[in-house]
Amino acid sequence: MRQFLLAAALSCAAFSGNASAADGALDATFGTDAEFPGYGFYINPNGTPNFTLDHVGAIVKAPDGKIWVVGRMKAPGAYRLSLTRTDADGYPDMEFGDQGLRSVVGPCADFSVSDATLDAQGRLVVAVDECPDFTVYRFLPNGDLDLTLAGSGVLSVPFNQGGGDEDRSQKVATTPNGNILIAGTVTTPTTRNLGIAHYTAAGLPVAGFGTAGKLTVPMEWSVPEIPGVTGLYRMADGRIVATGHISETSQAVSDKKQFVVRMLTNGAMDPSFGNVSAGLSKINLKSPLGLTESPRVYASLMESNGSVIQVGSMLSNQVSSGSDIFLLRWRPDGQLDTSIGPNGVRQYALDFAGPNPGDTESNWESANSIAHQANGQYVIVASSRVGEYAATALVRLKRNFAVDTTFGNGGKIQHTIEVSTNSQHGQAADPILMQPGRIVVGGVVFTGINGRMQMMMGMTHDEIFADTLE
């Protein structure tokens, strides 16, 4: 199937430009397959349509414009960490690996890729989740493991605070000198705390940061495994910001609090930030918003002035909708930004199924990621539904957080694809990157019974210079 899709793309005549395409429409100049313009499919050479739960954890733009698609692929007996390198148009870079693909053994049986970034030297740094310790891989631009990191290219950071010692690395960032920051959840005998590790480019603890390069931030509730930590950032002056939510219990309907933690370079809490204590802001919005369940967050964005945006889902206040996109904004001092709305909240009901669907879940949406356009507008990638099928939705916001109605159809657009062998079609997308004139998201398409295939999707938009706003 891999060879078929690539051959189909090769045999396709050159696509015409997209000057007349609406913002958010699939970009016919992007992808691998003539039958599905705008989609890039990255086939597992060992996979089958069924029982292959491949996934994409991150897409990262290289300095030369190529794209790293980072995830996992099923191999005989285990999953492997996969690196696919594509050209800017999503077509595999045939000079890299086997038809653009390389893979390495994963650190544990059920790992997943949770995040990835490039350091200042152009090396790819990948955080791996679902293993007992914080785990980071570092790859050279040619895809080889960088043996200057811990002697193997793999950094393992144990916290060993009890409770099964199941410490999960969920976000990664780097410093200009190549140091590695990792954020995730750390178990104790009674709860899960926020954990931060700061290690040198060689894989040694940074002196003066916490204890042996590690620290934890206890809170009154637990930081859940999924998706406890949703953002990790380094500010221009070296301060560290981590975002996520805590949950009162492990139950899905449990009360939750969104949080933002800001630290000084040595890991001490930043006294210039916080709404409950130095360096810590958090809020449970269930009662202030009049909801029966607390909102949930799945992604965040730190802006250049230190403001933080968190996005996710919240119960809809409309009888025709199950869940809407939730957006919360914190000011640079850690207080709620009520200039965008009461309690610093905006709610977006996309409602693709219309005002009176047979099932309110047909109007279910949940934000998975958010990015800046160069002009300061925001693009949100969300999960949604087309009937029984999982779909990807996008909505574009103006700088004042109003919906930009020039995007898609009244500010929103929805995409899904039908390639499954058992008619359980759909797709799921999360990571986003901005290119000149194009929005790219990464994820998976459904291929069969418990079957997933890695993909990217390219969509048009009107920014000539569209790199992420700094």
Foldseek 3Di string as FASTA:
>chain_A
DQVVQQVQQVPDDQDDACPPPFFFAFGQQAARHPVDRQKHFDDDPADDLAPWQWKFQAWEAFPVQKIWGWKWTDDVPAIWTKTFIGHNRNQTDPVADHRRIDTGHDPDRDKIWQEWYAALQRWIKTWIFDALFTKIAIADPNGHTDCLAQNHRMATDFPPQDPSSRWTFRYWDADNQQKIKTWTWTDHVPAIWIKIFIAHNSRFADPLADPRRMDTDDDPFHQDRPPRWADWDAAPQGKIKTWFKGFRDPDPQTFMKTKMFIADNNHHFAQQAEDPGGRMYIDGCCVVVVHSGTFGFAHKDADNQQKIKTKWWDQDPAPLAGIWIKIWIADNRHAGDCLLHPSRIDTGFPQPVDRHDPDNLQRHKIWQYKFAWQVQKMKTWIWHDDVQAIKIKIFIADNSRHTDLSHDHGGMDIDFDAAAPVRRWYWDWHYWFWDQQKIKIWIWINHYHSGTTTMMGITGDDHRHTGTHD
